[in-house]
């Protein structure tokens, strides 16, 4: 009993605080731990050096670099955090109607699975941003009437803010009042697009693409700012704001870069569109890593800014018919399901596409069927940022870039300033006579009976 009391007393003495949270017991523990870790050859002689090193490198609790300090209160910051948390909770909740029942959602791919495939291609977002984006697309689809399908199109990078772009197809065809504009649901306006700078904010519907705007967009090279209402100052002149330019660039990028496995779709038996071939079998392994296994699946945009040339009566309008025939010779129409070898090469490369496989490229057999877990990555060289990634029977198309085409001139000269207008001609007045005090030009009157002054005739 006496020995136990002695040991307890000794431990209490060793653990006695000597100021600053220091005591001999912890110091000896740290020194011995240092000696055991380092295992010096002359531990007996260097013991004091270890003790001095521990004392010099330790911090008192009051001056420790990890000292906990109270956070200053910032009401504005607290309000923004509370607003962000409320918007995030609202975003992740299931969209519901006024009666509290869940709203129907159109055909929407699992973006979380698509993002996992895109990671193998070196593009994508963080897990948190991906989940918020998927929830935002779900809310957009639930709150848009008549929407049949919806997918994440990509992200346009801007100098001030970026654009998230969603692509959907609305039921029916909305005929345009202008016959020169392709109706919504057809041609370049087959799909409808929404954009937002923040997935927590509402999505903004983009207008239909006009042929004159597409022609102007092809002639300029302009970085986006992130403001839809910003004027586009360029040369040649663009007839619209950044909203119209963004819509045109989306149409041009989609026409050139949206691909599908060759054979997945086939021309419709009745109509000019395409439909899925239910008997199609996906290639396996290295067979997928070839450009001839991929094909376009969007309408080709002609030099007139549309997907078709108008029908003109050659007898009634011979001049217009000649112009259209010349356009057809310069840029003949192409099929929707056109192969990749129809795309002209970019720069010194032999093709406009880069195709490779990443991941586990070994072949496997699962349930007597050939299987591959490799990811096929197809990248556009004409539109840097356009990526198609495929794994198994799933493929995803996305664009993440500045919306600029490769191979175009790096600089477009700005338009000259306004020409100075000619000034208005001044009204001529009679020259005043120095000897006359009042003249009609000065508002005075002449006294005809007054004698002439000296020196006058």
Protein backbone atom coordinates (compact mmCIF):
# COMPACT_ATOMS: atom_id res chain seq x y z
CA UNK A 1 0.00 0.00 0.00
CA UNK A 2 2.85 2.32 0.86
CA UNK A 3 4.54 1.70 -2.50
CA UNK A 4 1.33 2.56 -4.41
CA UNK A 5 0.98 5.86 -2.57
CA UNK A 6 4.61 6.62 -3.29
CA UNK A 7 4.16 5.94 -7.02
CA UNK A 8 1.03 8.09 -7.16
CA UNK A 9 2.81 10.89 -5.36
CA UNK A 10 5.75 10.65 -7.74
CA UNK A 11 3.48 10.79 -10.79
CA UNK A 12 1.65 13.76 -9.34
CA UNK A 13 4.97 15.52 -8.81
CA UNK A 14 6.15 14.76 -12.34
CA UNK A 15 2.85 15.97 -13.83
CA UNK A 16 2.92 19.20 -11.87
CA UNK A 17 2.35 22.17 -14.20
CA UNK A 18 5.41 24.42 -14.44
CA UNK A 19 3.64 27.10 -16.49
CA UNK A 20 2.51 27.23 -20.07
CA UNK A 21 1.03 23.75 -19.88
CA UNK A 22 4.46 22.12 -19.42
CA UNK A 23 5.35 19.35 -16.98
CA UNK A 24 8.32 17.06 -16.47
CA UNK A 25 6.40 13.86 -17.18
CA UNK A 26 5.37 14.90 -20.71
CA UNK A 27 8.83 16.31 -21.42
CA UNK A 28 10.56 13.05 -20.43
CA UNK A 29 8.03 11.11 -22.47
CA UNK A 30 8.78 13.20 -25.57
CA UNK A 31 12.54 12.92 -25.05
CA UNK A 32 12.48 9.14 -24.62
CA UNK A 33 10.17 8.79 -27.63
CA UNK A 34 12.61 10.85 -29.68
CA UNK A 35 15.56 8.70 -28.58
CA UNK A 36 13.72 5.45 -29.38
CA UNK A 37 12.67 6.78 -32.81
CA UNK A 38 16.09 8.14 -33.80
CA UNK A 39 18.13 5.29 -32.18
CA UNK A 40 21.41 7.24 -31.95
CA UNK A 41 24.66 5.31 -31.41
CA UNK A 42 25.61 7.51 -28.41
CA UNK A 43 22.20 7.88 -26.79
CA UNK A 44 23.71 8.40 -23.34
CA UNK A 45 25.82 11.38 -24.46
CA UNK A 46 23.15 12.97 -26.67
CA UNK A 47 20.30 12.70 -24.17
CA UNK A 48 20.76 16.32 -23.05
CA UNK A 49 20.80 17.47 -26.69
CA UNK A 50 17.47 15.76 -27.32
CA UNK A 51 16.04 17.37 -24.19
CA UNK A 52 17.18 20.83 -25.26
CA UNK A 53 15.80 20.29 -28.78
CA UNK A 54 12.38 19.31 -27.43
CA UNK A 55 12.28 22.40 -25.21
CA UNK A 56 13.23 24.78 -28.04
CA UNK A 57 10.79 23.40 -30.58
CA UNK A 58 7.76 23.14 -28.33
CA UNK A 59 5.24 25.97 -28.05
CA UNK A 60 3.32 27.07 -25.01
CA UNK A 61 -0.41 26.80 -25.33
CA UNK A 62 -0.82 30.58 -25.41
CA UNK A 63 1.47 31.05 -28.45
CA UNK A 64 0.84 27.78 -30.30
CA UNK A 65 0.33 28.20 -34.06
CA UNK A 66 -2.80 26.07 -33.72
CA UNK A 67 -4.32 28.37 -31.15
CA UNK A 68 -8.08 28.58 -31.50
CA UNK A 69 -9.28 32.14 -31.96
CA UNK A 70 -12.88 33.28 -31.95
CA UNK A 71 -14.24 34.01 -35.45
CA UNK A 72 -15.28 37.64 -35.86
CA UNK A 73 -18.97 37.99 -36.51
CA UNK A 74 -19.88 39.12 -40.03
CA UNK A 75 -23.65 39.54 -40.44
CA UNK A 76 -23.39 39.85 -44.24
CA UNK A 77 -21.33 36.65 -44.51
CA UNK A 78 -23.68 34.81 -42.18
CA UNK A 79 -26.65 35.90 -44.29
CA UNK A 80 -25.00 34.66 -47.50
CA UNK A 81 -24.19 31.32 -45.90
CA UNK A 82 -27.73 30.87 -44.67
CA UNK A 83 -29.08 31.76 -48.12
CA UNK A 84 -26.72 29.30 -49.79
CA UNK A 85 -27.69 26.51 -47.39
CA UNK A 86 -31.40 27.17 -47.92
CA UNK A 87 -31.00 27.13 -51.72
CA UNK A 88 -28.94 23.93 -51.57
CA UNK A 89 -31.54 22.15 -49.42
CA UNK A 90 -34.28 23.30 -51.80
CA UNK A 91 -32.27 22.09 -54.79
CA UNK A 92 -31.68 18.60 -53.42
CA UNK A 93 -35.33 18.09 -52.48
CA UNK A 94 -37.66 16.25 -54.86
CA UNK A 95 -39.59 18.73 -57.08
CA UNK A 96 -43.18 18.87 -55.86
CA UNK A 97 -46.33 20.62 -56.99
CA UNK A 98 -48.68 22.84 -55.02
CA UNK A 99 -50.44 19.81 -53.54
CA UNK A 100 -47.14 18.35 -52.35
CA UNK A 101 -47.05 15.46 -54.82
CA UNK A 102 -43.88 14.78 -56.81
CA UNK A 103 -43.76 16.34 -60.28
CA UNK A 104 -43.12 14.08 -63.29
CA UNK A 105 -39.61 14.27 -64.73
CA UNK A 106 -38.82 13.72 -68.45
CA UNK A 107 -36.25 11.29 -69.78
CA UNK A 108 -33.07 12.27 -67.96
CA UNK A 109 -29.81 10.28 -68.01
CA UNK A 110 -27.96 9.50 -64.79
CA UNK A 111 -25.42 12.28 -64.83
CA UNK A 112 -23.53 10.81 -61.86
CA UNK A 113 -22.76 7.69 -63.93
CA UNK A 114 -21.89 9.79 -66.98
CA UNK A 115 -19.51 11.92 -64.91
CA UNK A 116 -17.71 8.76 -63.74
CA UNK A 117 -17.12 7.78 -67.39
CA UNK A 118 -15.98 11.31 -68.28
CA UNK A 119 -13.35 11.20 -65.54
CA UNK A 120 -11.47 8.63 -67.61
CA UNK A 121 -11.40 11.17 -70.44
CA UNK A 122 -9.87 13.80 -68.18
CA UNK A 123 -12.92 16.07 -68.02
CA UNK A 124 -15.71 16.57 -65.55
CA UNK A 125 -16.50 18.15 -62.22
CA UNK A 126 -16.12 17.39 -58.55
CA UNK A 127 -18.52 14.97 -56.88
CA UNK A 128 -20.32 17.80 -55.10
CA UNK A 129 -20.72 19.92 -58.23
CA UNK A 130 -21.83 16.89 -60.22
CA UNK A 131 -24.55 16.08 -57.71
CA UNK A 132 -25.79 19.68 -57.57
CA UNK A 133 -25.84 19.81 -61.37
CA UNK A 134 -27.83 16.58 -61.55
CA UNK A 135 -30.37 17.96 -59.04
CA UNK A 136 -30.59 21.23 -60.98
CA UNK A 137 -31.32 19.37 -64.22
CA UNK A 138 -34.00 17.36 -62.44
CA UNK A 139 -35.66 20.55 -61.22
CA UNK A 140 -35.48 22.11 -64.70
CA UNK A 141 -37.08 19.05 -66.26
CA UNK A 142 -39.87 18.92 -63.68
CA UNK A 143 -40.75 22.61 -64.08
CA UNK A 144 -40.70 22.73 -67.92
CA UNK A 145 -44.01 21.67 -69.50
CA UNK A 146 -43.91 19.59 -72.66
CA UNK A 147 -40.28 18.56 -72.19
CA UNK A 148 -39.61 15.08 -73.56
CA UNK A 149 -35.90 14.64 -72.87
CA UNK A 150 -33.14 16.59 -71.17
CA UNK A 151 -29.39 16.20 -70.82
CA UNK A 152 -26.33 18.17 -69.75
CA UNK A 153 -24.82 19.63 -72.91
CA UNK A 154 -21.65 21.15 -71.44
CA UNK A 155 -20.05 24.24 -70.01
CA UNK A 156 -18.96 27.38 -71.87
CA UNK A 157 -16.10 29.12 -70.08
CA UNK A 158 -16.27 32.92 -69.84
CA UNK A 159 -14.01 35.75 -68.82
CA UNK A 160 -16.24 36.77 -65.90
CA UNK A 161 -18.68 33.91 -65.37
CA UNK A 162 -19.25 30.52 -66.97
CA UNK A 163 -22.35 29.07 -68.62
CA UNK A 164 -23.80 25.68 -67.75
CA UNK A 165 -25.79 24.50 -70.78
CA UNK A 166 -28.72 22.06 -70.79
CA UNK A 167 -30.19 20.55 -73.95
CA UNK A 168 -33.78 19.37 -74.23
CA UNK A 169 -36.40 18.44 -76.76
CA UNK A 170 -39.89 19.90 -76.40
CA UNK A 171 -42.94 18.12 -77.74
CA UNK A 172 -44.43 19.53 -80.94
CA UNK A 173 -43.22 22.05 -83.49
CA UNK A 174 -43.49 25.79 -82.91
CA UNK A 175 -43.87 27.41 -86.32
CA UNK A 176 -42.01 30.69 -86.73
CA UNK A 177 -43.59 33.78 -88.23
CA UNK A 178 -40.47 34.32 -90.34
CA UNK A 179 -40.28 31.80 -93.22
CA UNK A 180 -36.49 32.22 -93.30
CA UNK A 181 -36.19 30.84 -89.74
CA UNK A 182 -36.35 27.10 -89.11
CA UNK A 183 -39.20 26.36 -86.73
CA UNK A 184 -38.50 25.17 -83.21
CA UNK A 185 -38.29 21.40 -83.32
CA UNK A 186 -36.71 21.31 -86.79
CA UNK A 187 -33.28 21.97 -88.31
CA UNK A 188 -30.88 23.95 -86.15
CA UNK A 189 -33.72 24.47 -83.67
CA UNK A 190 -34.52 20.78 -83.22
CA UNK A 191 -33.29 21.04 -79.64
CA UNK A 192 -33.92 23.76 -77.09
CA UNK A 193 -31.22 25.08 -74.79
CA UNK A 194 -31.11 26.60 -71.32
CA UNK A 195 -28.15 28.21 -69.58
CA UNK A 196 -27.29 29.37 -66.08
CA UNK A 197 -24.24 30.81 -64.34
CA UNK A 198 -25.03 28.98 -61.10
CA UNK A 199 -26.84 25.65 -60.74
CA UNK A 200 -28.62 27.05 -57.67
CA UNK A 201 -30.17 29.79 -59.82
CA UNK A 202 -33.00 29.43 -62.38
CA UNK A 203 -32.19 28.36 -65.93
CA UNK A 204 -32.64 30.88 -68.77
CA UNK A 205 -34.19 29.78 -72.06
CA UNK A 206 -32.11 30.72 -75.10
CA UNK A 207 -33.84 32.03 -78.25
CA UNK A 208 -33.98 30.13 -81.52
CA UNK A 209 -30.97 30.38 -83.80
CA UNK A 210 -31.43 32.59 -86.86
CA UNK A 211 -29.60 31.98 -90.15
CA UNK A 212 -28.19 35.52 -90.32
CA UNK A 213 -26.84 35.17 -86.78
CA UNK A 214 -25.19 31.83 -87.56
CA UNK A 215 -23.52 33.32 -90.65
CA UNK A 216 -22.23 36.25 -88.58
CA UNK A 217 -21.04 33.95 -85.76
CA UNK A 218 -18.93 31.98 -88.25
CA UNK A 219 -17.05 35.15 -89.19
CA UNK A 220 -16.01 36.33 -85.72
CA UNK A 221 -13.92 35.03 -82.84
CA UNK A 222 -15.22 36.26 -79.51
CA UNK A 223 -14.75 35.17 -75.90
CA UNK A 224 -17.89 35.03 -73.79
CA UNK A 225 -18.18 37.15 -70.66
CA UNK A 226 -20.97 35.32 -68.84
CA UNK A 227 -23.50 38.14 -69.27
CA UNK A 228 -26.32 37.20 -71.66
CA UNK A 229 -27.31 40.83 -72.21
CA UNK A 230 -23.79 42.05 -73.02
CA UNK A 231 -23.43 43.65 -76.45
CA UNK A 232 -21.17 41.79 -78.86
CA UNK A 233 -18.65 44.30 -80.18
CA UNK A 234 -16.90 42.67 -83.11
CA UNK A 235 -15.93 43.06 -86.71
CA UNK A 236 -17.77 42.02 -88.80
CA UNK A 237 -20.80 43.23 -86.90
CA UNK A 238 -22.90 40.66 -85.05
CA UNK A 239 -26.66 41.38 -85.02
CA UNK A 240 -27.44 40.56 -81.40
CA UNK A 241 -26.24 40.23 -77.83
CA UNK A 242 -24.20 37.51 -76.19
CA UNK A 243 -27.38 35.49 -75.77
CA UNK A 244 -27.79 35.11 -79.54
CA UNK A 245 -24.07 34.48 -80.09
CA UNK A 246 -24.08 31.75 -77.45
CA UNK A 247 -27.05 30.05 -79.09
CA UNK A 248 -25.33 30.12 -82.49
CA UNK A 249 -22.09 28.67 -81.15
CA UNK A 250 -24.01 25.88 -79.42
CA UNK A 251 -25.69 25.03 -82.72
CA UNK A 252 -22.38 24.98 -84.61
CA UNK A 253 -20.62 22.89 -81.96
CA UNK A 254 -23.49 20.40 -81.74
CA UNK A 255 -23.63 19.96 -85.50
CA UNK A 256 -19.92 19.13 -85.70
CA UNK A 257 -19.25 17.22 -82.47
CA UNK A 258 -22.30 15.23 -81.31
CA UNK A 259 -21.51 11.62 -82.23
CA UNK A 260 -22.98 8.17 -81.68
CA UNK A 261 -21.75 4.63 -82.33
CA UNK A 262 -22.06 3.78 -86.02
CA UNK A 263 -25.20 1.72 -86.56
CA UNK A 264 -26.98 2.76 -83.37
CA UNK A 265 -29.40 4.90 -85.41
CA UNK A 266 -30.86 4.39 -88.85
CA UNK A 267 -32.91 6.62 -91.19
CA UNK A 268 -36.63 6.58 -90.57
CA UNK A 269 -38.71 4.64 -93.05
CA UNK A 270 -41.21 7.49 -93.13
CA UNK A 271 -39.73 10.93 -92.68
CA UNK A 272 -36.34 12.60 -92.82
CA UNK A 273 -35.23 11.92 -89.24
CA UNK A 274 -33.43 9.01 -87.61
CA UNK A 275 -34.51 6.33 -85.18
CA UNK A 276 -32.74 3.83 -82.95
CA UNK A 277 -31.94 0.42 -84.39
CA UNK A 278 -33.12 -2.06 -81.77
CA UNK A 279 -30.96 -4.85 -83.25
CA UNK A 280 -27.72 -2.89 -82.89
CA UNK A 281 -24.88 -4.52 -80.95
CA UNK A 282 -22.17 -2.37 -79.41
CA UNK A 283 -18.57 -3.04 -80.43
CA UNK A 284 -16.33 -4.60 -77.78
CA UNK A 285 -12.76 -3.77 -76.85
CA UNK A 286 -10.42 -2.50 -79.53
CA UNK A 287 -13.18 -2.50 -82.15
CA UNK A 288 -14.56 0.65 -80.50
CA UNK A 289 -11.25 2.51 -80.74
CA UNK A 290 -11.61 3.27 -84.44
CA UNK A 291 -12.97 6.36 -86.14
CA UNK A 292 -15.11 4.30 -88.51
CA UNK A 293 -17.07 3.00 -85.50
CA UNK A 294 -18.47 6.48 -84.87
CA UNK A 295 -20.79 8.71 -86.86
CA UNK A 296 -22.46 12.10 -86.64
CA UNK A 297 -26.09 12.22 -85.50
CA UNK A 298 -26.99 15.91 -85.86
CA UNK A 299 -28.04 17.92 -88.91
CA UNK A 300 -25.25 19.46 -90.94
CA UNK A 301 -25.43 23.28 -91.04
CA UNK A 302 -25.02 24.60 -94.58
CA UNK A 303 -23.42 27.84 -95.73
CA UNK A 304 -26.83 29.53 -95.67
CA UNK A 305 -27.10 29.06 -91.89
CA UNK A 306 -29.78 26.37 -92.16
CA UNK A 307 -29.90 22.60 -92.57
CA UNK A 308 -31.73 22.64 -95.90
CA UNK A 309 -31.81 24.74 -99.03
CA UNK A 310 -35.18 26.29 -99.87
CA UNK A 311 -37.16 25.08 -102.84
CA UNK A 312 -37.39 27.79 -105.51
CA UNK A 313 -39.30 27.88 -108.77
CA UNK A 314 -36.63 28.39 -111.42
CA UNK A 315 -39.10 29.92 -113.88
CA UNK A 316 -40.60 32.40 -111.42
CA UNK A 317 -37.36 33.36 -109.66
CA UNK A 318 -34.44 32.48 -111.94
CA UNK A 319 -31.90 34.72 -110.20
CA UNK A 320 -32.61 33.29 -106.74
CA UNK A 321 -32.59 29.77 -108.16
CA UNK A 322 -29.13 30.36 -109.64
CA UNK A 323 -27.86 31.59 -106.26
CA UNK A 324 -29.17 28.50 -104.48
CA UNK A 325 -27.72 26.18 -107.12
CA UNK A 326 -24.34 27.87 -106.67
CA UNK A 327 -24.58 27.33 -102.91
CA UNK A 328 -25.44 23.66 -103.43
CA UNK A 329 -22.34 23.21 -105.57
CA UNK A 330 -20.12 24.98 -103.04
CA UNK A 331 -21.60 23.19 -100.01
CA UNK A 332 -23.77 20.20 -100.92
CA UNK A 333 -26.21 18.84 -98.31
CA UNK A 334 -24.99 15.96 -96.14
CA UNK A 335 -26.77 13.17 -94.33
CA UNK A 336 -27.36 13.28 -90.60
CA UNK A 337 -25.59 9.93 -90.14
CA UNK A 338 -22.41 10.99 -91.94
CA UNK A 339 -19.09 9.31 -91.19
CA UNK A 340 -16.15 11.06 -89.57
CA UNK A 341 -14.00 10.82 -92.70
CA UNK A 342 -16.25 13.47 -94.28
CA UNK A 343 -14.83 16.04 -91.85
CA UNK A 344 -11.85 17.92 -93.31
CA UNK A 345 -8.60 17.52 -91.33
CA UNK A 346 -7.49 20.21 -88.92
CA UNK A 347 -4.08 21.80 -89.45
CA UNK A 348 -1.31 19.30 -90.15
CA UNK A 349 -3.20 16.35 -88.66
CA UNK A 350 -4.66 13.68 -90.90
CA UNK A 351 -8.08 13.77 -89.25
CA UNK A 352 -10.40 16.04 -87.31
CA UNK A 353 -10.70 13.51 -84.45
CA UNK A 354 -8.54 11.79 -81.87
CA UNK A 355 -9.62 8.29 -80.78
CA UNK A 356 -7.99 6.24 -78.02
CA UNK A 357 -8.80 3.81 -75.23
CA UNK A 358 -7.91 4.14 -71.54
CA UNK A 359 -8.37 2.00 -68.46
CA UNK A 360 -8.47 -1.79 -68.43
CA UNK A 361 -8.24 -2.79 -72.09
CA UNK A 362 -8.04 -6.54 -71.43
CA UNK A 363 -10.88 -8.63 -72.93
CA UNK A 364 -13.16 -10.61 -70.60
CA UNK A 365 -15.96 -13.13 -70.99
CA UNK A 366 -19.02 -12.69 -68.81
CA UNK A 367 -21.94 -15.12 -69.22
CA UNK A 368 -20.50 -16.39 -72.51
CA UNK A 369 -20.38 -12.85 -73.89
CA UNK A 370 -17.31 -10.78 -74.72
CA UNK A 371 -16.94 -7.83 -72.37
CA UNK A 372 -14.49 -4.95 -72.03
CA UNK A 373 -14.16 -2.40 -69.25
CA UNK A 374 -12.04 -0.02 -71.32
CA UNK A 375 -13.20 3.55 -71.88
CA UNK A 376 -13.10 4.83 -75.45
CA UNK A 377 -12.35 8.55 -75.66
CA UNK A 378 -13.07 10.54 -78.83
CA UNK A 379 -11.96 14.18 -78.92
CA UNK A 380 -12.62 16.81 -81.56
CA UNK A 381 -9.60 18.65 -82.92
CA UNK A 382 -11.78 21.24 -84.63
CA UNK A 383 -13.65 22.21 -81.46
CA UNK A 384 -11.23 21.76 -78.53
CA UNK A 385 -13.27 20.74 -75.50
CA UNK A 386 -15.72 18.43 -77.28
CA UNK A 387 -15.37 14.92 -75.83
CA UNK A 388 -17.24 11.66 -76.34
CA UNK A 389 -16.57 8.88 -73.82
CA UNK A 390 -17.99 5.36 -74.04
CA UNK A 391 -17.82 2.34 -71.77
CA UNK A 392 -19.74 -0.83 -72.48
CA UNK A 393 -23.18 0.14 -73.75
CA UNK A 394 -23.07 3.69 -72.38
CA UNK A 395 -21.68 6.75 -74.10
CA UNK A 396 -21.82 10.44 -73.22
CA UNK A 397 -21.14 13.59 -75.23
CA UNK A 398 -20.09 16.81 -73.54
CA UNK A 399 -18.39 20.09 -74.39
CA UNK A 400 -16.29 22.05 -71.90
CA UNK A 401 -14.41 24.93 -73.49
CA UNK A 402 -14.44 28.55 -74.59
CA UNK A 403 -16.69 28.03 -77.60
CA UNK A 404 -13.89 28.80 -80.06
CA UNK A 405 -13.07 26.87 -83.19
CA UNK A 406 -9.53 25.73 -83.95
CA UNK A 407 -7.86 26.83 -87.14
CA UNK A 408 -9.57 30.22 -87.42
CA UNK A 409 -7.55 33.45 -87.55
CA UNK A 410 -6.33 34.40 -84.07
CA UNK A 411 -7.26 38.05 -84.50
CA UNK A 412 -10.08 39.92 -86.16
CA UNK A 413 -9.48 43.65 -86.69
CA UNK A 414 -11.95 45.89 -84.93
CA UNK A 415 -14.28 48.10 -86.91
CA UNK A 416 -13.16 51.69 -87.48
CA UNK A 417 -14.69 54.44 -85.42
CA UNK A 418 -17.64 56.53 -86.54
CA UNK A 419 -16.88 59.02 -89.29
CA UNK A 420 -17.11 62.60 -88.06
CA UNK A 421 -20.17 64.35 -89.44
CA UNK A 422 -19.92 67.59 -91.38
CA UNK A 423 -20.67 70.63 -89.21
CA UNK A 424 -23.67 72.77 -90.04
CA UNK A 425 -23.01 75.90 -92.10
CA UNK A 426 -23.02 79.12 -90.12
CA UNK A 427 -25.49 81.87 -91.00
CA UNK A 428 -23.62 84.69 -92.70
CA UNK A 429 -23.99 88.20 -91.27
CA UNK A 430 -23.06 91.60 -92.76
CA UNK A 431 -19.62 92.79 -91.79
CA UNK A 432 -19.94 95.52 -89.12
CA UNK A 433 -18.72 99.08 -89.95
CA UNK A 434 -16.37 100.47 -87.32
CA UNK A 435 -17.74 104.03 -87.73
CA UNK A 436 -21.33 103.05 -87.29
CA UNK A 437 -22.49 102.49 -83.73
CA UNK A 438 -25.71 100.77 -84.61
CA UNK A 439 -26.31 98.63 -87.61
CA UNK A 440 -29.28 96.46 -88.54
CA UNK A 441 -27.07 93.46 -87.82
CA UNK A 442 -26.76 94.72 -84.24
CA UNK A 443 -30.47 95.22 -83.88
CA UNK A 444 -30.25 99.03 -84.27
CA UNK A 445 -32.07 101.45 -86.56
CA UNK A 446 -30.63 103.93 -89.07
CA UNK A 447 -31.74 107.55 -88.93
CA UNK A 448 -31.99 108.56 -92.57
CA UNK A 449 -32.28 112.32 -91.67
CA UNK A 450 -29.11 112.34 -89.56
CA UNK A 451 -26.24 114.37 -91.08
CA UNK A 452 -23.37 112.30 -92.39
CA UNK A 453 -20.41 112.01 -90.10
CA UNK A 454 -17.07 113.47 -90.97
CA UNK A 455 -15.21 111.39 -93.51
CA UNK A 456 -18.37 109.94 -95.08
CA UNK A 457 -19.49 110.79 -98.61
